[in-house]
């Protein structure tokens, strides 16, 4: 055995989690969850696991009695991240709807002035809307608006929660729909 492998009995062992970097990993994992889980599926599954498995084990298991406080703090960090995922999801949904409503109102003003809906969204700028929002929401993935124009139908689309949940608005029927 080497001298590093033998513990010095005069030197007390550091308690679990006493290093100053002990919170970096849970915080980084929590931030990664917030950044990548736009739909909330991973957050939901993680939340169920934390509540049904991690919390009872932390509170009941004797082997975790010495580190119970740290485990509960870690649990709080993860639960806060889950709440942030769902809060961000709600914010993104309302932001995208608000921006879409601005485009719809501008297209309606265009139709009132010209007798028909525009063929492209850029025809609305600057007379009917200052600019077309580049993104529907704050998602990391594709979140831009798409406009489809045919002689009989005009439709606005955006991805509400990437990669699915494409919301559509048909101007002729004035109705919202979903593609998936």
Protein backbone atom coordinates (compact mmCIF):
# COMPACT_ATOMS: atom_id res chain seq x y z
CA UNK A 1 0.00 0.00 0.00
CA UNK A 2 1.16 3.48 -0.71
CA UNK A 3 1.32 6.22 1.85
CA UNK A 4 -1.63 8.02 0.16
CA UNK A 5 -3.85 4.97 0.62
CA UNK A 6 -3.32 4.95 4.40
CA UNK A 7 -5.45 7.53 6.18
CA UNK A 8 -3.88 9.56 8.91
CA UNK A 9 -5.84 8.71 12.09
CA UNK A 10 -4.88 12.04 13.66
CA UNK A 11 -6.51 13.92 10.82
CA UNK A 12 -10.32 13.83 11.05
CA UNK A 13 -12.25 12.99 7.91
CA UNK A 14 -14.02 15.89 6.27
CA UNK A 15 -17.79 15.63 6.45
CA UNK A 16 -19.62 14.79 3.26
CA UNK A 17 -20.20 17.82 1.07
CA UNK A 18 -17.79 20.08 2.91
CA UNK A 19 -15.91 21.06 -0.24
CA UNK A 20 -16.79 24.52 -1.52
CA UNK A 21 -17.71 23.17 -4.97
CA UNK A 22 -20.37 20.77 -3.67
CA UNK A 23 -23.24 22.81 -5.14
CA UNK A 24 -21.76 23.28 -8.61
CA UNK A 25 -22.96 19.94 -10.02
CA UNK A 26 -26.61 20.22 -8.90
CA UNK A 27 -26.77 23.85 -10.05
CA UNK A 28 -25.25 23.03 -13.46
CA UNK A 29 -27.61 20.08 -13.92
CA UNK A 30 -30.55 22.28 -12.93
CA UNK A 31 -29.52 24.97 -15.44
CA UNK A 32 -29.08 22.34 -18.14
CA UNK A 33 -32.61 21.10 -17.47
CA UNK A 34 -34.01 24.63 -17.73
CA UNK A 35 -32.11 25.32 -20.96
CA UNK A 36 -32.90 22.09 -22.79
CA UNK A 37 -36.34 20.94 -21.64
CA UNK A 38 -38.70 23.22 -23.54
CA UNK A 39 -41.65 20.85 -23.34
CA UNK A 40 -41.28 19.93 -19.69
CA UNK A 41 -41.35 16.16 -20.22
CA UNK A 42 -37.95 15.54 -18.64
CA UNK A 43 -38.80 17.96 -15.82
CA UNK A 44 -42.06 16.14 -15.14
CA UNK A 45 -40.37 12.73 -15.03
CA UNK A 46 -37.57 14.07 -12.85
CA UNK A 47 -40.08 15.70 -10.50
CA UNK A 48 -42.00 12.45 -10.08
CA UNK A 49 -38.76 10.58 -9.34
CA UNK A 50 -37.61 13.20 -6.85
CA UNK A 51 -40.90 13.24 -4.95
CA UNK A 52 -41.53 9.49 -4.99
CA UNK A 53 -37.98 8.16 -4.54
CA UNK A 54 -35.39 10.78 -3.59
CA UNK A 55 -37.41 12.62 -0.93
CA UNK A 56 -38.53 9.53 1.03
CA UNK A 57 -35.03 8.02 0.87
CA UNK A 58 -33.52 11.25 2.14
CA UNK A 59 -35.95 11.51 5.02
CA UNK A 60 -36.23 7.84 6.06
CA UNK A 61 -32.94 6.09 5.29
CA UNK A 62 -30.57 5.97 8.24
CA UNK A 63 -27.51 5.90 6.02
CA UNK A 64 -28.41 9.43 4.83
CA UNK A 65 -29.05 10.87 8.28
CA UNK A 66 -25.68 12.66 8.38
CA UNK A 67 -26.21 14.27 5.00
CA UNK A 68 -29.98 14.73 5.12
CA UNK A 69 -29.75 18.52 5.08
CA UNK A 70 -27.52 18.53 2.00
CA UNK A 71 -29.77 16.07 0.18
CA UNK A 72 -32.80 18.22 0.92
CA UNK A 73 -30.99 21.33 -0.32
CA UNK A 74 -30.07 19.47 -3.51
CA UNK A 75 -33.69 18.36 -3.85
CA UNK A 76 -34.78 21.99 -3.49
CA UNK A 77 -32.39 23.06 -6.26
CA UNK A 78 -33.83 20.46 -8.63
CA UNK A 79 -37.44 21.28 -7.73
CA UNK A 80 -36.73 24.96 -8.30
CA UNK A 81 -35.33 24.11 -11.74
CA UNK A 82 -38.47 22.10 -12.53
CA UNK A 83 -40.63 25.06 -11.52
CA UNK A 84 -38.48 27.28 -13.75
CA UNK A 85 -39.00 24.93 -16.71
CA UNK A 86 -42.77 25.16 -16.38
CA UNK A 87 -42.66 28.90 -15.70
CA UNK A 88 -40.53 29.48 -18.79
CA UNK A 89 -42.84 27.26 -20.81
CA UNK A 90 -45.85 29.32 -19.73
CA UNK A 91 -44.02 32.59 -20.45
CA UNK A 92 -42.99 31.37 -23.93
CA UNK A 93 -46.56 30.37 -24.74
CA UNK A 94 -47.97 33.76 -23.81
CA UNK A 95 -45.14 35.63 -25.56
CA UNK A 96 -45.64 33.70 -28.81
CA UNK A 97 -49.41 34.26 -28.68
CA UNK A 98 -48.91 38.00 -28.10
CA UNK A 99 -46.47 38.30 -31.01
CA UNK A 100 -48.74 36.27 -33.28
CA UNK A 101 -51.69 38.51 -32.38
CA UNK A 102 -49.63 41.55 -33.45
CA UNK A 103 -48.92 39.95 -36.84
CA UNK A 104 -52.56 38.93 -37.25
CA UNK A 105 -53.76 42.47 -36.48
CA UNK A 106 -51.26 43.89 -38.99
CA UNK A 107 -52.42 41.42 -41.67
CA UNK A 108 -56.03 42.39 -40.99
CA UNK A 109 -55.13 46.08 -41.40
CA UNK A 110 -53.31 45.17 -44.64
CA UNK A 111 -56.45 43.43 -45.91
CA UNK A 112 -58.64 46.41 -44.96
CA UNK A 113 -56.32 48.72 -46.93
CA UNK A 114 -55.65 46.45 -49.94
CA UNK A 115 -58.66 44.13 -50.17
CA UNK A 116 -56.60 40.95 -49.69
CA UNK A 117 -54.15 39.40 -47.28
CA UNK A 118 -50.42 39.83 -48.01
CA UNK A 119 -48.52 37.23 -49.99
CA UNK A 120 -45.53 37.56 -47.63
CA UNK A 121 -45.14 38.87 -44.09
CA UNK A 122 -42.52 41.40 -45.13
CA UNK A 123 -45.26 43.30 -47.02
CA UNK A 124 -46.60 44.36 -43.59
CA UNK A 125 -43.41 46.26 -42.69
CA UNK A 126 -43.23 49.21 -41.89
CA UNK A 127 -46.72 50.50 -42.71
CA UNK A 128 -48.73 47.99 -40.65
CA UNK A 129 -46.18 46.70 -38.14
CA UNK A 130 -42.72 48.09 -37.28
CA UNK A 131 -41.04 44.72 -37.78
CA UNK A 132 -41.89 41.05 -37.95
CA UNK A 133 -40.58 39.35 -34.79
CA UNK A 134 -37.65 37.11 -35.71
CA UNK A 135 -38.69 34.58 -33.08
CA UNK A 136 -42.06 33.58 -31.73
CA UNK A 137 -40.68 32.91 -28.25
CA UNK A 138 -37.45 32.51 -26.29
CA UNK A 139 -36.94 28.81 -27.04
CA UNK A 140 -33.47 27.65 -28.05
CA UNK A 141 -34.91 25.71 -30.96
CA UNK A 142 -36.73 26.85 -34.07
CA UNK A 143 -39.31 29.39 -33.01
CA UNK A 144 -39.82 31.71 -35.98
CA UNK A 145 -43.11 32.56 -37.64
CA UNK A 146 -44.01 31.02 -40.97
CA UNK A 147 -46.64 32.40 -43.30
CA UNK A 148 -48.32 30.38 -46.03
CA UNK A 149 -50.28 32.13 -48.76
CA UNK A 150 -52.38 30.53 -51.45
CA UNK A 151 -55.22 32.16 -53.40
CA UNK A 152 -57.83 30.56 -51.16
CA UNK A 153 -56.02 30.34 -47.79
CA UNK A 154 -53.60 32.36 -45.69
CA UNK A 155 -52.06 30.82 -42.62
CA UNK A 156 -49.63 31.85 -39.88
CA UNK A 157 -47.68 29.13 -38.04
CA UNK A 158 -45.16 28.95 -35.22
CA UNK A 159 -43.71 26.18 -33.08
CA UNK A 160 -45.06 26.65 -29.55
CA UNK A 161 -42.99 23.96 -27.82
CA UNK A 162 -40.19 22.63 -29.99
CA UNK A 163 -40.00 20.26 -31.70
CA UNK A 164 -43.78 19.68 -31.69
CA UNK A 165 -46.97 21.62 -31.01
CA UNK A 166 -47.10 23.73 -34.14
CA UNK A 167 -49.84 26.33 -33.75
CA UNK A 168 -51.60 27.63 -36.83
CA UNK A 169 -53.94 30.52 -37.46
CA UNK A 170 -56.12 30.55 -40.58
CA UNK A 171 -57.03 34.11 -41.54
CA UNK A 172 -60.14 33.27 -43.57
CA UNK A 173 -61.81 31.33 -40.71
CA UNK A 174 -60.15 33.36 -37.93
CA UNK A 175 -59.43 30.14 -36.03
CA UNK A 176 -56.43 28.72 -34.22
CA UNK A 177 -55.46 25.09 -34.79
CA UNK A 178 -52.61 22.66 -34.17
CA UNK A 179 -50.66 20.50 -36.55
CA UNK A 180 -49.34 18.09 -33.91
